[in-house]
Amino acid sequence: MPAPLSHSLFVLALWIGLSWAAPGRAQTPPAPLPSFIISVKDGVFNPARLEVPAGQRIKFVLRNEGPGPLEFENADLHVEKILAAGAESFVVVKLPPGEHMFVDEFNIATGELLVIAK
């Protein structure tokens, strides 16, 4: 049997086998993560205080509106994200209940965000 034909038969058999093993119902996509937009301008977070659900994955959308870079960080939770001026990015976290302080490492004096997970 020629190699391309045997390869095609193998792929067909694999495809049929996997279709029998797959569940008969369509899989639903996961629900979107709760998202919170955080903007930073001149080393100041907006909002400066945020309440979020505890124990579930959430998404922080970060927007650096300042003239310089931003380093969004919480050392205890091992979260760190660096954004250039004008950049936007995100981090996904799962926070335990309590208060969590995030900082802008480049603007320690003014760059603090208190996140309260309930």
PDB file of N, CA and C in Angstrom:
ATOM      1  N   MET A   1       0.847  -1.166   0.000  1.00  0.00           N
ATOM      2  CA  MET A   1       0.000   0.000   0.000  1.00  0.00           C
ATOM      3  C   MET A   1       0.901   1.240   0.000  1.00  0.00           C
ATOM      4  N   PRO A   2       0.628   2.200  -0.858  1.00  0.00           N
ATOM      5  CA  PRO A   2       1.441   3.417  -0.897  1.00  0.00           C
ATOM      6  C   PRO A   2       1.353   4.176   0.430  1.00  0.00           C
ATOM      7  N   ALA A   3       2.439   4.861   0.803  1.00  0.00           N
ATOM      8  CA  ALA A   3       2.515   5.567   2.083  1.00  0.00           C
ATOM      9  C   ALA A   3       1.420   6.619   2.246  1.00  0.00           C
ATOM     10  N   PRO A   4       1.128   7.462   1.234  1.00  0.00           N
ATOM     11  CA  PRO A   4       0.081   8.465   1.445  1.00  0.00           C
ATOM     12  C   PRO A   4      -1.287   7.842   1.705  1.00  0.00           C
ATOM     13  N   LEU A   5      -1.574   6.696   1.056  1.00  0.00           N
ATOM     14  CA  LEU A   5      -2.863   6.047   1.257  1.00  0.00           C
ATOM     15  C   LEU A   5      -2.955   5.459   2.660  1.00  0.00           C
ATOM     16  N   SER A   6      -1.893   4.827   3.148  1.00  0.00           N
ATOM     17  CA  SER A   6      -1.935   4.249   4.489  1.00  0.00           C
ATOM     18  C   SER A   6      -2.041   5.350   5.548  1.00  0.00           C
ATOM     19  N   HIS A   7      -1.381   6.463   5.308  1.00  0.00           N
ATOM     20  CA  HIS A   7      -1.477   7.594   6.238  1.00  0.00           C
ATOM     21  C   HIS A   7      -2.914   8.121   6.253  1.00  0.00           C
ATOM     22  N   SER A   8      -3.533   8.241   5.104  1.00  0.00           N
ATOM     23  CA  SER A   8      -4.912   8.728   5.020  1.00  0.00           C
ATOM     24  C   SER A   8      -5.867   7.780   5.731  1.00  0.00           C
ATOM     25  N   LEU A   9      -5.676   6.478   5.566  1.00  0.00           N
ATOM     26  CA  LEU A   9      -6.540   5.506   6.234  1.00  0.00           C
ATOM     27  C   LEU A   9      -6.364   5.572   7.748  1.00  0.00           C
ATOM     28  N   PHE A  10      -5.118   5.757   8.205  1.00  0.00           N
ATOM     29  CA  PHE A  10      -4.855   5.891   9.629  1.00  0.00           C
ATOM     30  C   PHE A  10      -5.559   7.124  10.193  1.00  0.00           C
ATOM     31  N   VAL A  11      -5.463   8.250   9.499  1.00  0.00           N
ATOM     32  CA  VAL A  11      -6.104   9.489   9.951  1.00  0.00           C
ATOM     33  C   VAL A  11      -7.619   9.308   9.977  1.00  0.00           C
ATOM     34  N   LEU A  12      -8.177   8.664   8.974  1.00  0.00           N
ATOM     35  CA  LEU A  12      -9.614   8.426   8.934  1.00  0.00           C
ATOM     36  C   LEU A  12     -10.050   7.543  10.101  1.00  0.00           C
ATOM     37  N   ALA A  13      -9.314   6.472  10.374  1.00  0.00           N
ATOM     38  CA  ALA A  13      -9.653   5.582  11.480  1.00  0.00           C
ATOM     39  C   ALA A  13      -9.553   6.318  12.820  1.00  0.00           C
ATOM     40  N   LEU A  14      -8.537   7.129  12.975  1.00  0.00           N
ATOM     41  CA  LEU A  14      -8.372   7.904  14.196  1.00  0.00           C
ATOM     42  C   LEU A  14      -9.523   8.891  14.363  1.00  0.00           C
ATOM     43  N   TRP A  15      -9.886   9.549  13.294  1.00  0.00           N
ATOM     44  CA  TRP A  15     -10.976  10.520  13.340  1.00  0.00           C
ATOM     45  C   TRP A  15     -12.291   9.844  13.728  1.00  0.00           C
ATOM     46  N   ILE A  16     -12.584   8.685  13.140  1.00  0.00           N
ATOM     47  CA  ILE A  16     -13.813   7.952  13.454  1.00  0.00           C
ATOM     48  C   ILE A  16     -13.784   7.491  14.903  1.00  0.00           C
ATOM     49  N   GLY A  17     -12.645   6.969  15.340  1.00  0.00           N
ATOM     50  CA  GLY A  17     -12.522   6.511  16.726  1.00  0.00           C
ATOM     51  C   GLY A  17     -12.717   7.632  17.719  1.00  0.00           C
ATOM     52  N   LEU A  18     -12.133   8.778  17.458  1.00  0.00           N
ATOM     53  CA  LEU A  18     -12.288   9.910  18.365  1.00  0.00           C
ATOM     54  C   LEU A  18     -13.701  10.448  18.373  1.00  0.00           C
ATOM     55  N   SER A  19     -14.375  10.368  17.244  1.00  0.00           N
ATOM     56  CA  SER A  19     -15.754  10.863  17.209  1.00  0.00           C
ATOM     57  C   SER A  19     -16.668   9.960  18.031  1.00  0.00           C
ATOM     58  N   TRP A  20     -16.392   8.673  18.096  1.00  0.00           N
ATOM     59  CA  TRP A  20     -17.184   7.771  18.921  1.00  0.00           C
ATOM     60  C   TRP A  20     -16.905   7.993  20.404  1.00  0.00           C
ATOM     61  N   ALA A  21     -15.691   8.362  20.730  1.00  0.00           N
ATOM     62  CA  ALA A  21     -15.330   8.558  22.136  1.00  0.00           C
ATOM     63  C   ALA A  21     -15.805   9.905  22.672  1.00  0.00           C
ATOM     64  N   ALA A  22     -16.050  10.857  21.789  1.00  0.00           N
ATOM     65  CA  ALA A  22     -16.462  12.200  22.220  1.00  0.00           C
ATOM     66  C   ALA A  22     -17.901  12.165  22.713  1.00  0.00           C
ATOM     67  N   PRO A  23     -18.225  12.999  23.692  1.00  0.00           N
ATOM     68  CA  PRO A  23     -19.617  13.039  24.158  1.00  0.00           C
ATOM     69  C   PRO A  23     -20.549  13.501  23.051  1.00  0.00           C
ATOM     70  N   GLY A  24     -21.796  13.082  23.142  1.00  0.00           N
ATOM     71  CA  GLY A  24     -22.771  13.391  22.109  1.00  0.00           C
ATOM     72  C   GLY A  24     -23.303  14.808  22.153  1.00  0.00           C
ATOM     73  N   ARG A  25     -23.030  15.536  23.212  1.00  0.00           N
ATOM     74  CA  ARG A  25     -23.546  16.901  23.310  1.00  0.00           C
ATOM     75  C   ARG A  25     -22.457  17.900  22.933  1.00  0.00           C
ATOM     76  N   ALA A  26     -22.885  19.023  22.483  1.00  0.00           N
ATOM     77  CA  ALA A  26     -21.931  20.080  22.130  1.00  0.00           C
ATOM     78  C   ALA A  26     -21.383  20.701  23.412  1.00  0.00           C
ATOM     79  N   GLN A  27     -20.108  21.024  23.402  1.00  0.00           N
ATOM     80  CA  GLN A  27     -19.498  21.656  24.568  1.00  0.00           C
ATOM     81  C   GLN A  27     -19.764  23.154  24.520  1.00  0.00           C
ATOM     82  N   THR A  28     -20.146  23.692  25.660  1.00  0.00           N
ATOM     83  CA  THR A  28     -20.392  25.126  25.736  1.00  0.00           C
ATOM     84  C   THR A  28     -19.099  25.834  26.121  1.00  0.00           C
ATOM     85  N   PRO A  29     -18.859  26.989  25.563  1.00  0.00           N
ATOM     86  CA  PRO A  29     -17.649  27.724  25.919  1.00  0.00           C
ATOM     87  C   PRO A  29     -17.737  28.192  27.369  1.00  0.00           C
ATOM     88  N   PRO A  30     -16.591  28.361  28.026  1.00  0.00           N
ATOM     89  CA  PRO A  30     -16.628  28.825  29.408  1.00  0.00           C
ATOM     90  C   PRO A  30     -17.179  30.248  29.497  1.00  0.00           C
ATOM     91  N   ALA A  31     -17.772  30.548  30.626  1.00  0.00           N
ATOM     92  CA  ALA A  31     -18.314  31.892  30.842  1.00  0.00           C
ATOM     93  C   ALA A  31     -17.170  32.898  30.869  1.00  0.00           C
ATOM     94  N   PRO A  32     -17.403  34.103  30.384  1.00  0.00           N
ATOM     95  CA  PRO A  32     -16.330  35.107  30.406  1.00  0.00           C
ATOM     96  C   PRO A  32     -15.952  35.451  31.845  1.00  0.00           C
ATOM     97  N   LEU A  33     -14.689  35.767  32.044  1.00  0.00           N
ATOM     98  CA  LEU A  33     -14.205  36.132  33.373  1.00  0.00           C
ATOM     99  C   LEU A  33     -14.736  37.507  33.768  1.00  0.00           C
ATOM    100  N   PRO A  34     -15.049  37.692  35.052  1.00  0.00           N
ATOM    101  CA  PRO A  34     -15.369  39.052  35.497  1.00  0.00           C
ATOM    102  C   PRO A  34     -14.143  39.935  35.249  1.00  0.00           C
ATOM    103  N   SER A  35     -14.342  41.075  34.610  1.00  0.00           N
ATOM    104  CA  SER A  35     -13.228  41.960  34.238  1.00  0.00           C
ATOM    105  C   SER A  35     -13.346  43.299  34.945  1.00  0.00           C
ATOM    106  N   PHE A  36     -12.191  43.824  35.319  1.00  0.00           N
ATOM    107  CA  PHE A  36     -12.116  45.111  35.998  1.00  0.00           C
ATOM    108  C   PHE A  36     -11.068  45.953  35.286  1.00  0.00           C
ATOM    109  N   ILE A  37     -11.466  47.139  34.841  1.00  0.00           N
ATOM    110  CA  ILE A  37     -10.552  48.029  34.122  1.00  0.00           C
ATOM    111  C   ILE A  37      -9.843  48.923  35.128  1.00  0.00           C
ATOM    112  N   ILE A  38      -8.521  48.940  35.040  1.00  0.00           N
ATOM    113  CA  ILE A  38      -7.690  49.757  35.921  1.00  0.00           C
ATOM    114  C   ILE A  38      -6.818  50.624  35.034  1.00  0.00           C
ATOM    115  N   SER A  39      -6.954  51.933  35.166  1.00  0.00           N
ATOM    116  CA  SER A  39      -6.097  52.831  34.402  1.00  0.00           C
ATOM    117  C   SER A  39      -5.085  53.463  35.355  1.00  0.00           C
ATOM    118  N   VAL A  40      -3.918  53.744  34.820  1.00  0.00           N
ATOM    119  CA  VAL A  40      -2.848  54.358  35.603  1.00  0.00           C
ATOM    120  C   VAL A  40      -2.321  55.547  34.814  1.00  0.00           C
ATOM    121  N   LYS A  41      -2.310  56.703  35.488  1.00  0.00           N
ATOM    122  CA  LYS A  41      -1.798  57.907  34.841  1.00  0.00           C
ATOM    123  C   LYS A  41      -0.919  58.639  35.840  1.00  0.00           C
ATOM    124  N   ASP A  42       0.291  58.945  35.441  1.00  0.00           N
ATOM    125  CA  ASP A  42       1.256  59.632  36.305  1.00  0.00           C
ATOM    126  C   ASP A  42       1.437  58.909  37.637  1.00  0.00           C
ATOM    127  N   GLY A  43       1.425  57.580  37.607  1.00  0.00           N
ATOM    128  CA  GLY A  43       1.657  56.790  38.811  1.00  0.00           C
ATOM    129  C   GLY A  43       0.486  56.712  39.761  1.00  0.00           C
ATOM    130  N   VAL A  44      -0.717  57.053  39.320  1.00  0.00           N
ATOM    131  CA  VAL A  44      -1.907  57.012  40.168  1.00  0.00           C
ATOM    132  C   VAL A  44      -2.923  56.048  39.554  1.00  0.00           C
ATOM    133  N   PHE A  45      -3.379  55.082  40.364  1.00  0.00           N
ATOM    134  CA  PHE A  45      -4.367  54.107  39.911  1.00  0.00           C
ATOM    135  C   PHE A  45      -5.767  54.711  39.948  1.00  0.00           C
ATOM    136  N   ASN A  46      -6.569  54.361  38.957  1.00  0.00           N
ATOM    137  CA  ASN A  46      -7.966  54.750  38.925  1.00  0.00           C
ATOM    138  C   ASN A  46      -8.783  53.518  38.549  1.00  0.00           C
ATOM    139  N   PRO A  47      -9.560  52.956  39.448  1.00  0.00           N
ATOM    140  CA  PRO A  47      -9.821  53.371  40.812  1.00  0.00           C
ATOM    141  C   PRO A  47      -8.646  53.022  41.729  1.00  0.00           C
ATOM    142  N   ALA A  48      -8.608  53.648  42.902  1.00  0.00           N
ATOM    143  CA  ALA A  48      -7.556  53.379  43.878  1.00  0.00           C
ATOM    144  C   ALA A  48      -7.965  52.265  44.833  1.00  0.00           C
ATOM    145  N   ARG A  49      -9.245  51.918  44.829  1.00  0.00           N
ATOM    146  CA  ARG A  49      -9.788  50.858  45.682  1.00  0.00           C
ATOM    147  C   ARG A  49     -10.794  50.078  44.847  1.00  0.00           C
ATOM    148  N   LEU A  50     -10.750  48.752  44.972  1.00  0.00           N
ATOM    149  CA  LEU A  50     -11.580  47.912  44.119  1.00  0.00           C
ATOM    150  C   LEU A  50     -12.061  46.705  44.908  1.00  0.00           C
ATOM    151  N   GLU A  51     -13.352  46.378  44.817  1.00  0.00           N
ATOM    152  CA  GLU A  51     -13.887  45.167  45.440  1.00  0.00           C
ATOM    153  C   GLU A  51     -14.141  44.132  44.352  1.00  0.00           C
ATOM    154  N   VAL A  52     -13.662  42.902  44.600  1.00  0.00           N
ATOM    155  CA  VAL A  52     -13.764  41.830  43.620  1.00  0.00           C
ATOM    156  C   VAL A  52     -14.231  40.556  44.327  1.00  0.00           C
ATOM    157  N   PRO A  53     -14.758  39.589  43.564  1.00  0.00           N
ATOM    158  CA  PRO A  53     -15.139  38.317  44.180  1.00  0.00           C
ATOM    159  C   PRO A  53     -13.900  37.503  44.566  1.00  0.00           C
ATOM    160  N   ALA A  54     -13.939  36.905  45.742  1.00  0.00           N
ATOM    161  CA  ALA A  54     -12.826  36.073  46.213  1.00  0.00           C
ATOM    162  C   ALA A  54     -12.979  34.638  45.714  1.00  0.00           C
ATOM    163  N   GLY A  55     -11.848  33.973  45.537  1.00  0.00           N
ATOM    164  CA  GLY A  55     -11.858  32.551  45.224  1.00  0.00           C
ATOM    165  C   GLY A  55     -12.224  32.173  43.809  1.00  0.00           C
ATOM    166  N   GLN A  56     -12.330  33.121  42.917  1.00  0.00           N
ATOM    167  CA  GLN A  56     -12.594  32.796  41.515  1.00  0.00           C
ATOM    168  C   GLN A  56     -11.668  33.614  40.623  1.00  0.00           C
ATOM    169  N   ARG A  57     -11.458  33.106  39.425  1.00  0.00           N
ATOM    170  CA  ARG A  57     -10.570  33.808  38.494  1.00  0.00           C
ATOM    171  C   ARG A  57     -11.229  35.103  38.028  1.00  0.00           C
ATOM    172  N   ILE A  58     -10.431  36.171  38.049  1.00  0.00           N
ATOM    173  CA  ILE A  58     -10.893  37.473  37.565  1.00  0.00           C
ATOM    174  C   ILE A  58      -9.814  38.056  36.658  1.00  0.00           C
ATOM    175  N   LYS A  59     -10.214  39.013  35.869  1.00  0.00           N
ATOM    176  CA  LYS A  59      -9.303  39.627  34.898  1.00  0.00           C
ATOM    177  C   LYS A  59      -9.170  41.113  35.197  1.00  0.00           C
ATOM    178  N   PHE A  60      -7.925  41.566  35.385  1.00  0.00           N
ATOM    179  CA  PHE A  60      -7.642  42.991  35.502  1.00  0.00           C
ATOM    180  C   PHE A  60      -7.148  43.470  34.149  1.00  0.00           C
ATOM    181  N   VAL A  61      -7.865  44.408  33.542  1.00  0.00           N
ATOM    182  CA  VAL A  61      -7.433  45.032  32.293  1.00  0.00           C
ATOM    183  C   VAL A  61      -6.670  46.290  32.694  1.00  0.00           C
ATOM    184  N   LEU A  62      -5.395  46.339  32.343  1.00  0.00           N
ATOM    185  CA  LEU A  62      -4.515  47.440  32.741  1.00  0.00           C
ATOM    186  C   LEU A  62      -4.284  48.376  31.572  1.00  0.00           C
ATOM    187  N   ARG A  63      -4.479  49.664  31.824  1.00  0.00           N
ATOM    188  CA  ARG A  63      -4.236  50.691  30.800  1.00  0.00           C
ATOM    189  C   ARG A  63      -3.247  51.705  31.356  1.00  0.00           C
ATOM    190  N   ASN A  64      -2.099  51.807  30.734  1.00  0.00           N
ATOM    191  CA  ASN A  64      -1.104  52.787  31.159  1.00  0.00           C
ATOM    192  C   ASN A  64      -1.303  54.059  30.346  1.00  0.00           C
ATOM    193  N   GLU A  65      -1.904  55.054  30.964  1.00  0.00           N
ATOM    194  CA  GLU A  65      -2.187  56.315  30.287  1.00  0.00           C
ATOM    195  C   GLU A  65      -1.126  57.370  30.591  1.00  0.00           C
ATOM    196  N   GLY A  66      -0.080  56.968  31.289  1.00  0.00           N
ATOM    197  CA  GLY A  66       0.952  57.923  31.694  1.00  0.00           C
ATOM    198  C   GLY A  66       2.063  58.057  30.672  1.00  0.00           C
ATOM    199  N   PRO A  67       2.935  59.027  30.931  1.00  0.00           N
ATOM    200  CA  PRO A  67       4.042  59.246  30.005  1.00  0.00           C
ATOM    201  C   PRO A  67       5.183  58.244  30.191  1.00  0.00           C
ATOM    202  N   GLY A  68       5.196  57.520  31.308  1.00  0.00           N
ATOM    203  CA  GLY A  68       6.291  56.580  31.575  1.00  0.00           C
ATOM    204  C   GLY A  68       5.782  55.162  31.731  1.00  0.00           C
ATOM    205  N   PRO A  69       6.682  54.207  31.971  1.00  0.00           N
ATOM    206  CA  PRO A  69       6.293  52.807  32.119  1.00  0.00           C
ATOM    207  C   PRO A  69       5.563  52.550  33.438  1.00  0.00           C
ATOM    208  N   LEU A  70       4.895  51.403  33.498  1.00  0.00           N
ATOM    209  CA  LEU A  70       4.145  50.960  34.674  1.00  0.00           C
ATOM    210  C   LEU A  70       4.600  49.549  35.009  1.00  0.00           C
ATOM    211  N   GLU A  71       4.838  49.295  36.294  1.00  0.00           N
ATOM    212  CA  GLU A  71       5.108  47.924  36.741  1.00  0.00           C
ATOM    213  C   GLU A  71       4.057  47.569  37.789  1.00  0.00           C
ATOM    214  N   PHE A  72       3.021  46.866  37.362  1.00  0.00           N
ATOM    215  CA  PHE A  72       1.911  46.435  38.212  1.00  0.00           C
ATOM    216  C   PHE A  72       2.374  45.198  38.961  1.00  0.00           C
ATOM    217  N   GLU A  73       2.361  45.262  40.315  1.00  0.00           N
ATOM    218  CA  GLU A  73       2.970  44.160  41.058  1.00  0.00           C
ATOM    219  C   GLU A  73       2.305  43.924  42.404  1.00  0.00           C
ATOM    220  N   ASN A  74       2.263  42.637  42.786  1.00  0.00           N
ATOM    221  CA  ASN A  74       1.961  42.188  44.138  1.00  0.00           C
ATOM    222  C   ASN A  74       2.892  41.014  44.391  1.00  0.00           C
ATOM    223  N   ALA A  75       3.918  41.228  45.211  1.00  0.00           N
ATOM    224  CA  ALA A  75       4.946  40.206  45.428  1.00  0.00           C
ATOM    225  C   ALA A  75       4.394  38.970  46.126  1.00  0.00           C
ATOM    226  N   ASP A  76       3.461  39.147  47.079  1.00  0.00           N
ATOM    227  CA  ASP A  76       2.910  38.001  47.814  1.00  0.00           C
ATOM    228  C   ASP A  76       2.158  37.035  46.899  1.00  0.00           C
ATOM    229  N   LEU A  77       1.489  37.578  45.888  1.00  0.00           N
ATOM    230  CA  LEU A  77       0.696  36.747  44.966  1.00  0.00           C
ATOM    231  C   LEU A  77       1.470  36.373  43.707  1.00  0.00           C
ATOM    232  N   HIS A  78       2.724  36.829  43.603  1.00  0.00           N
ATOM    233  CA  HIS A  78       3.573  36.565  42.436  1.00  0.00           C
ATOM    234  C   HIS A  78       2.946  37.094  41.144  1.00  0.00           C
ATOM    235  N   VAL A  79       2.441  38.323  41.220  1.00  0.00           N
ATOM    236  CA  VAL A  79       1.848  38.989  40.059  1.00  0.00           C
ATOM    237  C   VAL A  79       2.760  40.141  39.678  1.00  0.00           C
ATOM    238  N   GLU A  80       3.138  40.186  38.411  1.00  0.00           N
ATOM    239  CA  GLU A  80       3.964  41.284  37.918  1.00  0.00           C
ATOM    240  C   GLU A  80       3.704  41.467  36.433  1.00  0.00           C
ATOM    241  N   LYS A  81       3.464  42.711  36.048  1.00  0.00           N
ATOM    242  CA  LYS A  81       3.221  43.029  34.639  1.00  0.00           C
ATOM    243  C   LYS A  81       3.814  44.400  34.371  1.00  0.00           C
ATOM    244  N   ILE A  82       4.616  44.510  33.329  1.00  0.00           N
ATOM    245  CA  ILE A  82       5.228  45.782  32.953  1.00  0.00           C
ATOM    246  C   ILE A  82       4.599  46.251  31.653  1.00  0.00           C
ATOM    247  N   LEU A  83       4.166  47.523  31.643  1.00  0.00           N
ATOM    248  CA  LEU A  83       3.552  48.106  30.455  1.00  0.00           C
ATOM    249  C   LEU A  83       4.271  49.392  30.088  1.00  0.00           C
ATOM    250  N   ALA A  84       4.491  49.575  28.815  1.00  0.00           N
ATOM    251  CA  ALA A  84       5.055  50.824  28.308  1.00  0.00           C
ATOM    252  C   ALA A  84       3.971  51.902  28.334  1.00  0.00           C
ATOM    253  N   ALA A  85       4.394  53.129  28.209  1.00  0.00           N
ATOM    254  CA  ALA A  85       3.436  54.242  28.155  1.00  0.00           C
ATOM    255  C   ALA A  85       2.473  54.037  26.989  1.00  0.00           C
ATOM    256  N   GLY A  86       1.185  54.203  27.258  1.00  0.00           N
ATOM    257  CA  GLY A  86       0.163  54.056  26.231  1.00  0.00           C
ATOM    258  C   GLY A  86      -0.252  52.623  25.959  1.00  0.00           C
ATOM    259  N   ALA A  87       0.318  51.661  26.657  1.00  0.00           N
ATOM    260  CA  ALA A  87       0.022  50.249  26.399  1.00  0.00           C
ATOM    261  C   ALA A  87      -1.172  49.775  27.230  1.00  0.00           C
ATOM    262  N   GLU A  88      -1.771  48.681  26.768  1.00  0.00           N
ATOM    263  CA  GLU A  88      -2.860  48.015  27.475  1.00  0.00           C
ATOM    264  C   GLU A  88      -2.575  46.525  27.493  1.00  0.00           C
ATOM    265  N   SER A  89      -2.842  45.891  28.627  1.00  0.00           N
ATOM    266  CA  SER A  89      -2.652  44.454  28.761  1.00  0.00           C
ATOM    267  C   SER A  89      -3.591  43.957  29.855  1.00  0.00           C
ATOM    268  N   PHE A  90      -3.431  42.702  30.252  1.00  0.00           N
ATOM    269  CA  PHE A  90      -4.282  42.169  31.309  1.00  0.00           C
ATOM    270  C   PHE A  90      -3.532  41.130  32.112  1.00  0.00           C
ATOM    271  N   VAL A  91      -4.033  40.869  33.327  1.00  0.00           N
ATOM    272  CA  VAL A  91      -3.572  39.765  34.156  1.00  0.00           C
ATOM    273  C   VAL A  91      -4.804  39.052  34.686  1.00  0.00           C
ATOM    274  N   VAL A  92      -4.704  37.747  34.835  1.00  0.00           N
ATOM    275  CA  VAL A  92      -5.785  36.946  35.401  1.00  0.00           C
ATOM    276  C   VAL A  92      -5.287  36.425  36.743  1.00  0.00           C
ATOM    277  N   VAL A  93      -6.090  36.648  37.778  1.00  0.00           N
ATOM    278  CA  VAL A  93      -5.711  36.234  39.130  1.00  0.00           C
ATOM    279  C   VAL A  93      -6.892  35.551  39.808  1.00  0.00           C
ATOM    280  N   LYS A  94      -6.576  34.806  40.845  1.00  0.00           N
ATOM    281  CA  LYS A  94      -7.575  34.187  41.716  1.00  0.00           C
ATOM    282  C   LYS A  94      -7.177  34.589  43.129  1.00  0.00           C
ATOM    283  N   LEU A  95      -7.926  35.522  43.717  1.00  0.00           N
ATOM    284  CA  LEU A  95      -7.537  36.107  44.990  1.00  0.00           C
ATOM    285  C   LEU A  95      -8.238  35.432  46.168  1.00  0.00           C
ATOM    286  N   PRO A  96      -7.486  35.123  47.222  1.00  0.00           N
ATOM    287  CA  PRO A  96      -8.131  34.637  48.447  1.00  0.00           C
ATOM    288  C   PRO A  96      -8.838  35.803  49.134  1.00  0.00           C
ATOM    289  N   PRO A  97      -9.791  35.517  50.007  1.00  0.00           N
ATOM    290  CA  PRO A  97     -10.482  36.601  50.709  1.00  0.00           C
ATOM    291  C   PRO A  97      -9.488  37.478  51.479  1.00  0.00           C
ATOM    292  N   GLY A  98      -9.772  38.774  51.492  1.00  0.00           N
ATOM    293  CA  GLY A  98      -8.923  39.697  52.230  1.00  0.00           C
ATOM    294  C   GLY A  98      -8.545  40.900  51.396  1.00  0.00           C
ATOM    295  N   GLU A  99      -7.622  41.692  51.954  1.00  0.00           N
ATOM    296  CA  GLU A  99      -7.142  42.888  51.284  1.00  0.00           C
ATOM    297  C   GLU A  99      -5.787  42.609  50.636  1.00  0.00           C
ATOM    298  N   HIS A 100      -5.628  43.072  49.408  1.00  0.00           N
ATOM    299  CA  HIS A 100      -4.400  42.850  48.648  1.00  0.00           C
ATOM    300  C   HIS A 100      -3.949  44.190  48.064  1.00  0.00           C
ATOM    301  N   MET A 101      -2.700  44.553  48.334  1.00  0.00           N
ATOM    302  CA  MET A 101      -2.159  45.818  47.844  1.00  0.00           C
ATOM    303  C   MET A 101      -1.339  45.550  46.583  1.00  0.00           C
ATOM    304  N   PHE A 102      -1.721  46.216  45.503  1.00  0.00           N
ATOM    305  CA  PHE A 102      -0.948  46.189  44.261  1.00  0.00           C
ATOM    306  C   PHE A 102      -0.279  47.551  44.129  1.00  0.00           C
ATOM    307  N   VAL A 103       0.935  47.555  43.598  1.00  0.00           N
ATOM    308  CA  VAL A 103       1.688  48.804  43.489  1.00  0.00           C
ATOM    309  C   VAL A 103       2.237  48.973  42.084  1.00  0.00           C
ATOM    310  N   ASP A 104       2.564  50.218  41.790  1.00  0.00           N
ATOM    311  CA  ASP A 104       3.341  50.538  40.598  1.00  0.00           C
ATOM    312  C   ASP A 104       4.774  50.709  41.093  1.00  0.00           C
ATOM    313  N   GLU A 105       5.614  49.726  40.825  1.00  0.00           N
ATOM    314  CA  GLU A 105       6.993  49.747  41.312  1.00  0.00           C
ATOM    315  C   GLU A 105       7.770  50.967  40.832  1.00  0.00           C
ATOM    316  N   PHE A 106       7.370  51.568  39.727  1.00  0.00           N
ATOM    317  CA  PHE A 106       8.070  52.745  39.212  1.00  0.00           C
ATOM    318  C   PHE A 106       7.593  54.032  39.881  1.00  0.00           C
ATOM    319  N   ASN A 107       6.485  53.956  40.622  1.00  0.00           N
ATOM    320  CA  ASN A 107       5.926  55.127  41.311  1.00  0.00           C
ATOM    321  C   ASN A 107       5.432  54.695  42.691  1.00  0.00           C
ATOM    322  N   ILE A 108       6.335  54.260  43.541  1.00  0.00           N
ATOM    323  CA  ILE A 108       5.970  53.720  44.852  1.00  0.00           C
ATOM    324  C   ILE A 108       5.196  54.723  45.697  1.00  0.00           C
ATOM    325  N   ALA A 109       5.567  55.996  45.649  1.00  0.00           N
ATOM    326  CA  ALA A 109       4.930  57.004  46.504  1.00  0.00           C
ATOM    327  C   ALA A 109       3.451  57.192  46.192  1.00  0.00           C
ATOM    328  N   THR A 110       3.055  57.092  44.935  1.00  0.00           N
ATOM    329  CA  THR A 110       1.657  57.369  44.559  1.00  0.00           C
ATOM    330  C   THR A 110       0.942  56.160  43.992  1.00  0.00           C
ATOM    331  N   GLY A 111       1.661  55.160  43.542  1.00  0.00           N
ATOM    332  CA  GLY A 111       1.048  54.043  42.822  1.00  0.00           C
ATOM    333  C   GLY A 111       0.619  52.899  43.703  1.00  0.00           C
ATOM    334  N   GLU A 112      -0.559  53.033  44.354  1.00  0.00           N
ATOM    335  CA  GLU A 112      -1.099  51.960  45.185  1.00  0.00           C
ATOM    336  C   GLU A 112      -2.548  51.697  44.818  1.00  0.00           C
ATOM    337  N   LEU A 113      -2.865  50.415  44.708  1.00  0.00           N
ATOM    338  CA  LEU A 113      -4.242  49.969  44.434  1.00  0.00           C
ATOM    339  C   LEU A 113      -4.613  48.955  45.495  1.00  0.00           C
ATOM    340  N   LEU A 114      -5.652  49.229  46.270  1.00  0.00           N
ATOM    341  CA  LEU A 114      -6.141  48.299  47.278  1.00  0.00           C
ATOM    342  C   LEU A 114      -7.268  47.470  46.663  1.00  0.00           C
ATOM    343  N   VAL A 115      -7.087  46.161  46.627  1.00  0.00           N
ATOM    344  CA  VAL A 115      -8.103  45.247  46.104  1.00  0.00           C
ATOM    345  C   VAL A 115      -8.645  44.440  47.271  1.00  0.00           C
ATOM    346  N   ILE A 116      -9.956  44.504  47.460  1.00  0.00           N
ATOM    347  CA  ILE A 116     -10.611  43.786  48.542  1.00  0.00           C
ATOM    348  C   ILE A 116     -11.390  42.635  47.923  1.00  0.00           C
ATOM    349  N   ALA A 117     -10.987  41.412  48.260  1.00  0.00           N
ATOM    350  CA  ALA A 117     -11.639  40.212  47.733  1.00  0.00           C
ATOM    351  C   ALA A 117     -12.622  39.705  48.768  1.00  0.00           C
ATOM    352  N   LYS A 118     -13.903  39.659  48.377  1.00  0.00           N
ATOM    353  CA  LYS A 118     -14.970  39.189  49.290  1.00  0.00           C
ATOM    354  C   LYS A 118     -15.664  37.978  48.708  1.00  0.00           C
TER     355      LYS A 118
END
